[in-house]
Amino acid sequence: MMVLDLTCGNNHFFEGWFRNMEDFNRQKEAGDIRCPVCEDNRIRQALSAVAIKRSGRGGEENEAPPTPATLLKKFYEYIEKNFEEVGPDFAKEALKMHYGVTEKRNIRGTSTEDEEKLLREEGVEFHKIPYVKIGQE
């Protein structure tokens, strides 16, 4: 099937569905196509937007989005791969970097509420990321 944008002699715009272009031309010549608004049979094909198929991998539209558990697992893998584990020394290491004692780097670890308060007071930017255990997939 093909869909064509059509107009009548009174400039009403509508669309028609045809098996192929030959079928459209045959029906048009026979006067079988009529405007749904005014019944005029002086029909012509209107300019229409072109449908463009995107290139790329086939089946992209049919792929299911990742589950929240999958996204969370990838996020944790990124953190583990790109951040140095400093354990309970997180606040101490963050302060050293803040004051230029050690070189800045990505770190991860644990801290107490008092240590977090101190870091905020000193102007150290950090983000708490809760760790959620993910079931085996």
N, C-alpha and C. Protein backbone atom coordinates (compact mmCIF):
# COMPACT_ATOMS: atom_id res chain seq x y z
N MET A 1 0.84 -1.19 0.00
CA MET A 1 0.00 0.00 0.00
C MET A 1 0.88 1.24 0.00
N MET A 2 0.34 2.29 -0.60
CA MET A 2 1.03 3.57 -0.58
C MET A 2 0.03 4.66 -0.23
N VAL A 3 0.50 5.66 0.46
CA VAL A 3 -0.35 6.78 0.88
C VAL A 3 0.09 8.00 0.09
N LEU A 4 -0.88 8.66 -0.54
CA LEU A 4 -0.59 9.87 -1.30
C LEU A 4 -1.35 11.04 -0.70
N ASP A 5 -0.70 12.20 -0.67
CA ASP A 5 -1.37 13.43 -0.29
C ASP A 5 -2.05 13.97 -1.54
N LEU A 6 -3.33 14.30 -1.41
CA LEU A 6 -4.13 14.72 -2.56
C LEU A 6 -4.82 16.05 -2.27
N THR A 7 -5.17 16.77 -3.34
CA THR A 7 -6.02 17.96 -3.23
C THR A 7 -7.07 17.89 -4.32
N CYS A 8 -8.20 18.54 -4.05
CA CYS A 8 -9.26 18.59 -5.06
C CYS A 8 -9.22 19.96 -5.75
N GLY A 9 -10.12 20.17 -6.69
CA GLY A 9 -10.19 21.44 -7.41
C GLY A 9 -10.52 22.61 -6.51
N ASN A 10 -11.07 22.35 -5.33
CA ASN A 10 -11.40 23.41 -4.36
C ASN A 10 -10.33 23.55 -3.28
N ASN A 11 -9.18 22.94 -3.53
CA ASN A 11 -8.01 23.01 -2.64
C ASN A 11 -8.23 22.40 -1.25
N HIS A 12 -9.09 21.40 -1.17
CA HIS A 12 -9.19 20.65 0.08
C HIS A 12 -8.07 19.60 0.08
N PHE A 13 -7.43 19.47 1.20
CA PHE A 13 -6.29 18.55 1.33
C PHE A 13 -6.76 17.28 2.02
N PHE A 14 -6.36 16.12 1.49
CA PHE A 14 -6.69 14.83 2.10
C PHE A 14 -5.70 13.80 1.61
N GLU A 15 -5.77 12.61 2.16
CA GLU A 15 -4.85 11.56 1.71
C GLU A 15 -5.65 10.38 1.20
N GLY A 16 -5.02 9.65 0.30
CA GLY A 16 -5.63 8.45 -0.26
C GLY A 16 -4.65 7.29 -0.21
N TRP A 17 -5.22 6.09 -0.05
CA TRP A 17 -4.41 4.88 0.03
C TRP A 17 -4.64 4.06 -1.23
N PHE A 18 -3.54 3.64 -1.86
CA PHE A 18 -3.63 2.90 -3.11
C PHE A 18 -2.64 1.74 -3.10
N ARG A 19 -2.97 0.71 -3.89
CA ARG A 19 -2.06 -0.43 -3.99
C ARG A 19 -0.73 -0.01 -4.59
N ASN A 20 -0.79 0.84 -5.62
CA ASN A 20 0.40 1.32 -6.30
C ASN A 20 0.04 2.56 -7.11
N MET A 21 1.01 3.16 -7.76
CA MET A 21 0.78 4.38 -8.53
C MET A 21 -0.15 4.13 -9.71
N GLU A 22 -0.02 2.96 -10.30
CA GLU A 22 -0.89 2.60 -11.42
C GLU A 22 -2.36 2.58 -10.98
N ASP A 23 -2.62 2.05 -9.81
CA ASP A 23 -3.98 2.00 -9.27
C ASP A 23 -4.50 3.43 -9.04
N PHE A 24 -3.67 4.32 -8.50
CA PHE A 24 -4.07 5.72 -8.31
C PHE A 24 -4.44 6.36 -9.64
N ASN A 25 -3.55 6.22 -10.64
CA ASN A 25 -3.80 6.84 -11.95
C ASN A 25 -5.08 6.31 -12.59
N ARG A 26 -5.32 5.01 -12.49
CA ARG A 26 -6.53 4.41 -13.07
C ARG A 26 -7.78 4.99 -12.41
N GLN A 27 -7.79 5.06 -11.07
CA GLN A 27 -8.95 5.58 -10.35
C GLN A 27 -9.15 7.08 -10.62
N LYS A 28 -8.06 7.81 -10.74
CA LYS A 28 -8.14 9.25 -11.01
C LYS A 28 -8.76 9.49 -12.38
N GLU A 29 -8.27 8.76 -13.41
CA GLU A 29 -8.78 8.92 -14.78
C GLU A 29 -10.25 8.53 -14.87
N ALA A 30 -10.66 7.55 -14.09
CA ALA A 30 -12.06 7.10 -14.12
C ALA A 30 -12.97 8.01 -13.29
N GLY A 31 -12.38 8.97 -12.55
CA GLY A 31 -13.18 9.86 -11.71
C GLY A 31 -13.69 9.20 -10.45
N ASP A 32 -13.05 8.10 -10.07
CA ASP A 32 -13.49 7.36 -8.89
C ASP A 32 -13.03 7.97 -7.56
N ILE A 33 -12.04 8.83 -7.61
CA ILE A 33 -11.54 9.45 -6.38
C ILE A 33 -12.28 10.76 -6.17
N ARG A 34 -12.88 10.91 -5.01
CA ARG A 34 -13.65 12.12 -4.71
C ARG A 34 -13.16 12.72 -3.39
N CYS A 35 -13.22 14.04 -3.34
CA CYS A 35 -12.85 14.77 -2.13
C CYS A 35 -13.84 14.41 -1.02
N PRO A 36 -13.35 14.07 0.16
CA PRO A 36 -14.26 13.74 1.26
C PRO A 36 -15.01 14.96 1.82
N VAL A 37 -14.57 16.16 1.46
CA VAL A 37 -15.21 17.38 1.96
C VAL A 37 -16.32 17.84 1.02
N CYS A 38 -16.00 17.92 -0.29
CA CYS A 38 -16.95 18.52 -1.24
C CYS A 38 -17.36 17.59 -2.39
N GLU A 39 -16.86 16.38 -2.40
CA GLU A 39 -17.20 15.39 -3.44
C GLU A 39 -16.64 15.73 -4.82
N ASP A 40 -15.76 16.72 -4.92
CA ASP A 40 -15.16 17.08 -6.21
C ASP A 40 -14.27 15.93 -6.67
N ASN A 41 -14.29 15.64 -7.98
CA ASN A 41 -13.43 14.57 -8.49
C ASN A 41 -12.28 15.10 -9.34
N ARG A 42 -12.02 16.41 -9.26
CA ARG A 42 -10.85 16.99 -9.94
C ARG A 42 -9.66 16.88 -8.97
N ILE A 43 -9.08 15.71 -8.95
CA ILE A 43 -8.07 15.36 -7.96
C ILE A 43 -6.67 15.45 -8.57
N ARG A 44 -5.76 15.97 -7.77
CA ARG A 44 -4.34 15.96 -8.17
C ARG A 44 -3.50 15.59 -6.96
N GLN A 45 -2.35 15.05 -7.25
CA GLN A 45 -1.43 14.66 -6.18
C GLN A 45 -0.76 15.91 -5.64
N ALA A 46 -0.73 16.07 -4.34
CA ALA A 46 -0.11 17.23 -3.70
C ALA A 46 1.33 16.91 -3.33
N LEU A 47 2.10 17.96 -3.15
CA LEU A 47 3.46 17.76 -2.64
C LEU A 47 3.36 17.23 -1.22
N SER A 48 4.22 16.31 -0.90
CA SER A 48 4.17 15.73 0.44
C SER A 48 5.58 15.57 0.98
N ALA A 49 5.65 15.47 2.28
CA ALA A 49 6.94 15.25 2.93
C ALA A 49 7.46 13.88 2.53
N VAL A 50 8.74 13.80 2.36
CA VAL A 50 9.37 12.54 1.98
C VAL A 50 9.74 11.78 3.24
N ALA A 51 9.41 10.53 3.27
CA ALA A 51 9.81 9.68 4.39
C ALA A 51 11.23 9.20 4.12
N ILE A 52 12.11 9.46 5.06
CA ILE A 52 13.51 9.07 4.89
C ILE A 52 13.84 8.04 5.95
N LYS A 53 14.32 6.91 5.51
CA LYS A 53 14.72 5.85 6.44
C LYS A 53 16.12 6.15 6.93
N ARG A 54 16.27 6.14 8.25
CA ARG A 54 17.58 6.36 8.82
C ARG A 54 18.47 5.16 8.56
N SER A 55 19.72 5.44 8.29
CA SER A 55 20.65 4.33 8.13
C SER A 55 21.18 3.95 9.50
N GLY A 56 21.80 2.84 9.58
CA GLY A 56 22.34 2.38 10.85
C GLY A 56 22.09 0.91 11.01
N ARG A 57 22.28 0.46 12.22
CA ARG A 57 22.06 -0.95 12.50
C ARG A 57 20.59 -1.27 12.32
N GLY A 58 20.31 -2.41 11.76
CA GLY A 58 18.93 -2.84 11.63
C GLY A 58 18.35 -3.20 12.97
N GLY A 59 17.06 -2.96 13.12
CA GLY A 59 16.37 -3.36 14.33
C GLY A 59 16.54 -2.43 15.51
N GLU A 60 17.12 -1.24 15.32
CA GLU A 60 17.32 -0.33 16.44
C GLU A 60 16.01 0.00 17.14
N GLU A 61 14.95 0.24 16.35
CA GLU A 61 13.68 0.62 16.95
C GLU A 61 13.08 -0.50 17.77
N ASN A 62 13.44 -1.74 17.49
CA ASN A 62 12.84 -2.86 18.17
C ASN A 62 13.60 -3.30 19.41
N GLU A 63 14.76 -2.68 19.65
CA GLU A 63 15.55 -3.08 20.81
C GLU A 63 14.89 -2.55 22.08
N ALA A 64 14.80 -3.40 23.07
CA ALA A 64 14.21 -2.99 24.35
C ALA A 64 15.19 -2.08 25.08
N PRO A 65 14.68 -1.07 25.77
CA PRO A 65 15.59 -0.22 26.54
C PRO A 65 16.19 -1.02 27.69
N PRO A 66 17.39 -0.64 28.13
CA PRO A 66 18.01 -1.38 29.23
C PRO A 66 17.19 -1.25 30.51
N THR A 67 17.23 -2.28 31.32
CA THR A 67 16.50 -2.26 32.59
C THR A 67 17.24 -1.36 33.58
N PRO A 68 16.55 -0.87 34.60
CA PRO A 68 17.24 -0.07 35.62
C PRO A 68 18.40 -0.83 36.27
N ALA A 69 18.22 -2.12 36.49
CA ALA A 69 19.29 -2.91 37.10
C ALA A 69 20.52 -2.95 36.19
N THR A 70 20.31 -3.06 34.89
CA THR A 70 21.43 -3.08 33.94
C THR A 70 22.15 -1.73 33.94
N LEU A 71 21.39 -0.64 33.94
CA LEU A 71 22.00 0.69 33.97
C LEU A 71 22.79 0.90 35.26
N LEU A 72 22.22 0.48 36.37
CA LEU A 72 22.90 0.63 37.66
C LEU A 72 24.18 -0.19 37.70
N LYS A 73 24.12 -1.39 37.16
CA LYS A 73 25.30 -2.26 37.12
C LYS A 73 26.41 -1.61 36.29
N LYS A 74 26.05 -1.04 35.13
CA LYS A 74 27.06 -0.37 34.29
C LYS A 74 27.64 0.85 35.00
N PHE A 75 26.78 1.58 35.72
CA PHE A 75 27.24 2.75 36.47
C PHE A 75 28.26 2.33 37.52
N TYR A 76 27.94 1.30 38.29
CA TYR A 76 28.87 0.81 39.32
C TYR A 76 30.17 0.31 38.70
N GLU A 77 30.08 -0.36 37.57
CA GLU A 77 31.29 -0.83 36.89
C GLU A 77 32.17 0.35 36.49
N TYR A 78 31.55 1.42 36.01
CA TYR A 78 32.30 2.62 35.63
C TYR A 78 33.02 3.20 36.85
N ILE A 79 32.29 3.32 37.96
CA ILE A 79 32.88 3.86 39.19
C ILE A 79 34.06 2.99 39.63
N GLU A 80 33.87 1.68 39.66
CA GLU A 80 34.94 0.77 40.09
C GLU A 80 36.16 0.87 39.18
N LYS A 81 35.95 1.04 37.90
CA LYS A 81 37.05 1.08 36.94
C LYS A 81 37.79 2.42 36.98
N ASN A 82 37.08 3.52 37.22
CA ASN A 82 37.65 4.85 37.06
C ASN A 82 37.91 5.63 38.36
N PHE A 83 37.60 5.05 39.51
CA PHE A 83 37.81 5.72 40.79
C PHE A 83 38.62 4.82 41.71
N GLU A 84 39.63 5.40 42.34
CA GLU A 84 40.48 4.64 43.26
C GLU A 84 39.75 4.42 44.59
N GLU A 85 39.76 3.20 45.07
CA GLU A 85 39.12 2.85 46.35
C GLU A 85 40.05 3.26 47.48
N VAL A 86 39.59 4.17 48.35
CA VAL A 86 40.39 4.60 49.50
C VAL A 86 39.75 4.20 50.82
N GLY A 87 38.61 3.50 50.74
CA GLY A 87 37.96 2.98 51.94
C GLY A 87 37.56 4.07 52.92
N PRO A 88 37.82 3.81 54.23
CA PRO A 88 37.43 4.77 55.26
C PRO A 88 38.29 6.04 55.28
N ASP A 89 39.32 6.11 54.45
CA ASP A 89 40.18 7.31 54.37
C ASP A 89 39.66 8.33 53.37
N PHE A 90 38.42 8.19 52.94
CA PHE A 90 37.87 9.08 51.91
C PHE A 90 38.02 10.56 52.28
N ALA A 91 37.56 10.94 53.48
CA ALA A 91 37.60 12.35 53.88
C ALA A 91 39.04 12.86 53.95
N LYS A 92 39.93 12.06 54.51
CA LYS A 92 41.34 12.46 54.63
C LYS A 92 41.95 12.67 53.25
N GLU A 93 41.71 11.74 52.32
CA GLU A 93 42.27 11.86 50.97
C GLU A 93 41.65 13.04 50.21
N ALA A 94 40.35 13.26 50.41
CA ALA A 94 39.68 14.38 49.74
C ALA A 94 40.25 15.72 50.22
N LEU A 95 40.50 15.83 51.52
CA LEU A 95 41.08 17.07 52.06
C LEU A 95 42.51 17.28 51.54
N LYS A 96 43.30 16.21 51.46
CA LYS A 96 44.67 16.33 50.94
C LYS A 96 44.65 16.87 49.51
N MET A 97 43.74 16.35 48.69
CA MET A 97 43.64 16.83 47.31
C MET A 97 43.16 18.28 47.28
N HIS A 98 42.20 18.60 48.13
CA HIS A 98 41.63 19.95 48.17
C HIS A 98 42.70 20.99 48.49
N TYR A 99 43.61 20.66 49.39
CA TYR A 99 44.65 21.60 49.80
C TYR A 99 45.95 21.44 49.02
N GLY A 100 45.96 20.60 48.00
CA GLY A 100 47.13 20.48 47.13
C GLY A 100 48.25 19.65 47.69
N VAL A 101 48.00 18.89 48.74
CA VAL A 101 49.03 18.03 49.33
C VAL A 101 49.29 16.85 48.40
N THR A 102 48.23 16.33 47.79
CA THR A 102 48.37 15.26 46.80
C THR A 102 47.69 15.69 45.51
N GLU A 103 48.05 15.01 44.45
CA GLU A 103 47.48 15.31 43.13
C GLU A 103 46.00 14.91 43.09
N LYS A 104 45.21 15.71 42.39
CA LYS A 104 43.78 15.40 42.28
C LYS A 104 43.57 14.15 41.44
N ARG A 105 42.64 13.33 41.89
CA ARG A 105 42.30 12.09 41.20
C ARG A 105 40.89 11.69 41.61
N ASN A 106 40.31 10.77 40.90
CA ASN A 106 38.99 10.25 41.25
C ASN A 106 39.15 9.23 42.37
N ILE A 107 38.42 9.45 43.46
CA ILE A 107 38.47 8.50 44.57
C ILE A 107 37.06 8.10 44.98
N ARG A 108 36.99 6.95 45.63
CA ARG A 108 35.72 6.49 46.20
C ARG A 108 36.04 5.84 47.53
N GLY A 109 35.08 5.88 48.43
CA GLY A 109 35.28 5.29 49.74
C GLY A 109 34.11 5.61 50.64
N THR A 110 34.34 5.51 51.93
CA THR A 110 33.28 5.74 52.91
C THR A 110 33.67 6.89 53.82
N SER A 111 32.65 7.50 54.42
CA SER A 111 32.89 8.60 55.35
C SER A 111 31.76 8.64 56.37
N THR A 112 32.06 9.23 57.51
CA THR A 112 31.04 9.38 58.55
C THR A 112 30.30 10.70 58.32
N GLU A 113 29.20 10.88 59.04
CA GLU A 113 28.44 12.14 58.92
C GLU A 113 29.30 13.33 59.35
N ASP A 114 30.10 13.15 60.40
CA ASP A 114 30.97 14.24 60.86
C ASP A 114 32.01 14.59 59.81
N GLU A 115 32.59 13.57 59.16
CA GLU A 115 33.57 13.82 58.10
C GLU A 115 32.92 14.54 56.92
N GLU A 116 31.71 14.15 56.58
CA GLU A 116 31.00 14.81 55.48
C GLU A 116 30.72 16.27 55.81
N LYS A 117 30.36 16.54 57.06
CA LYS A 117 30.11 17.92 57.50
C LYS A 117 31.39 18.74 57.36
N LEU A 118 32.52 18.17 57.79
CA LEU A 118 33.82 18.85 57.68
C LEU A 118 34.16 19.13 56.21
N LEU A 119 33.96 18.15 55.36
CA LEU A 119 34.25 18.34 53.93
C LEU A 119 33.42 19.50 53.36
N ARG A 120 32.15 19.56 53.71
CA ARG A 120 31.28 20.65 53.23
C ARG A 120 31.79 22.00 53.75
N GLU A 121 32.13 22.04 55.03
CA GLU A 121 32.62 23.29 55.63
C GLU A 121 33.91 23.76 54.96
N GLU A 122 34.75 22.83 54.53
CA GLU A 122 36.02 23.17 53.89
C GLU A 122 35.86 23.46 52.39
N GLY A 123 34.65 23.27 51.88
CA GLY A 123 34.40 23.56 50.46
C GLY A 123 34.81 22.44 49.52
N VAL A 124 34.91 21.24 50.04
CA VAL A 124 35.27 20.08 49.21
C VAL A 124 34.00 19.56 48.54
N GLU A 125 34.04 19.47 47.22
CA GLU A 125 32.89 18.96 46.49
C GLU A 125 32.97 17.43 46.41
N PHE A 126 31.89 16.79 46.81
CA PHE A 126 31.82 15.32 46.73
C PHE A 126 30.37 14.93 46.54
N HIS A 127 30.17 13.71 46.11
CA HIS A 127 28.82 13.19 45.89
C HIS A 127 28.69 11.84 46.57
N LYS A 128 27.65 11.71 47.35
CA LYS A 128 27.37 10.41 47.99
C LYS A 128 26.61 9.55 46.99
N ILE A 129 27.09 8.36 46.78
CA ILE A 129 26.43 7.43 45.87
C ILE A 129 26.10 6.18 46.66
N PRO A 130 24.82 5.93 46.88
CA PRO A 130 24.45 4.72 47.63
C PRO A 130 24.78 3.47 46.82
N TYR A 131 25.19 2.45 47.51
CA TYR A 131 25.48 1.19 46.84
C TYR A 131 24.29 0.26 47.05
N VAL A 132 23.72 -0.18 45.96
CA VAL A 132 22.57 -1.08 46.01
C VAL A 132 23.01 -2.42 45.46
N LYS A 133 22.78 -3.48 46.21
CA LYS A 133 23.13 -4.81 45.70
C LYS A 133 22.16 -5.18 44.59
N ILE A 134 22.72 -5.65 43.49
CA ILE A 134 21.92 -6.04 42.34
C ILE A 134 21.91 -7.55 42.25
N GLY A 135 20.72 -8.12 42.09
CA GLY A 135 20.61 -9.58 41.95
C GLY A 135 21.30 -10.06 40.70
N GLN A 136 21.66 -11.33 40.68
CA GLN A 136 22.29 -11.93 39.51
C GLN A 136 21.30 -11.97 38.36
N GLU A 137 21.76 -11.57 37.17
CA GLU A 137 20.89 -11.60 35.99
C GLU A 137 21.17 -12.82 35.16
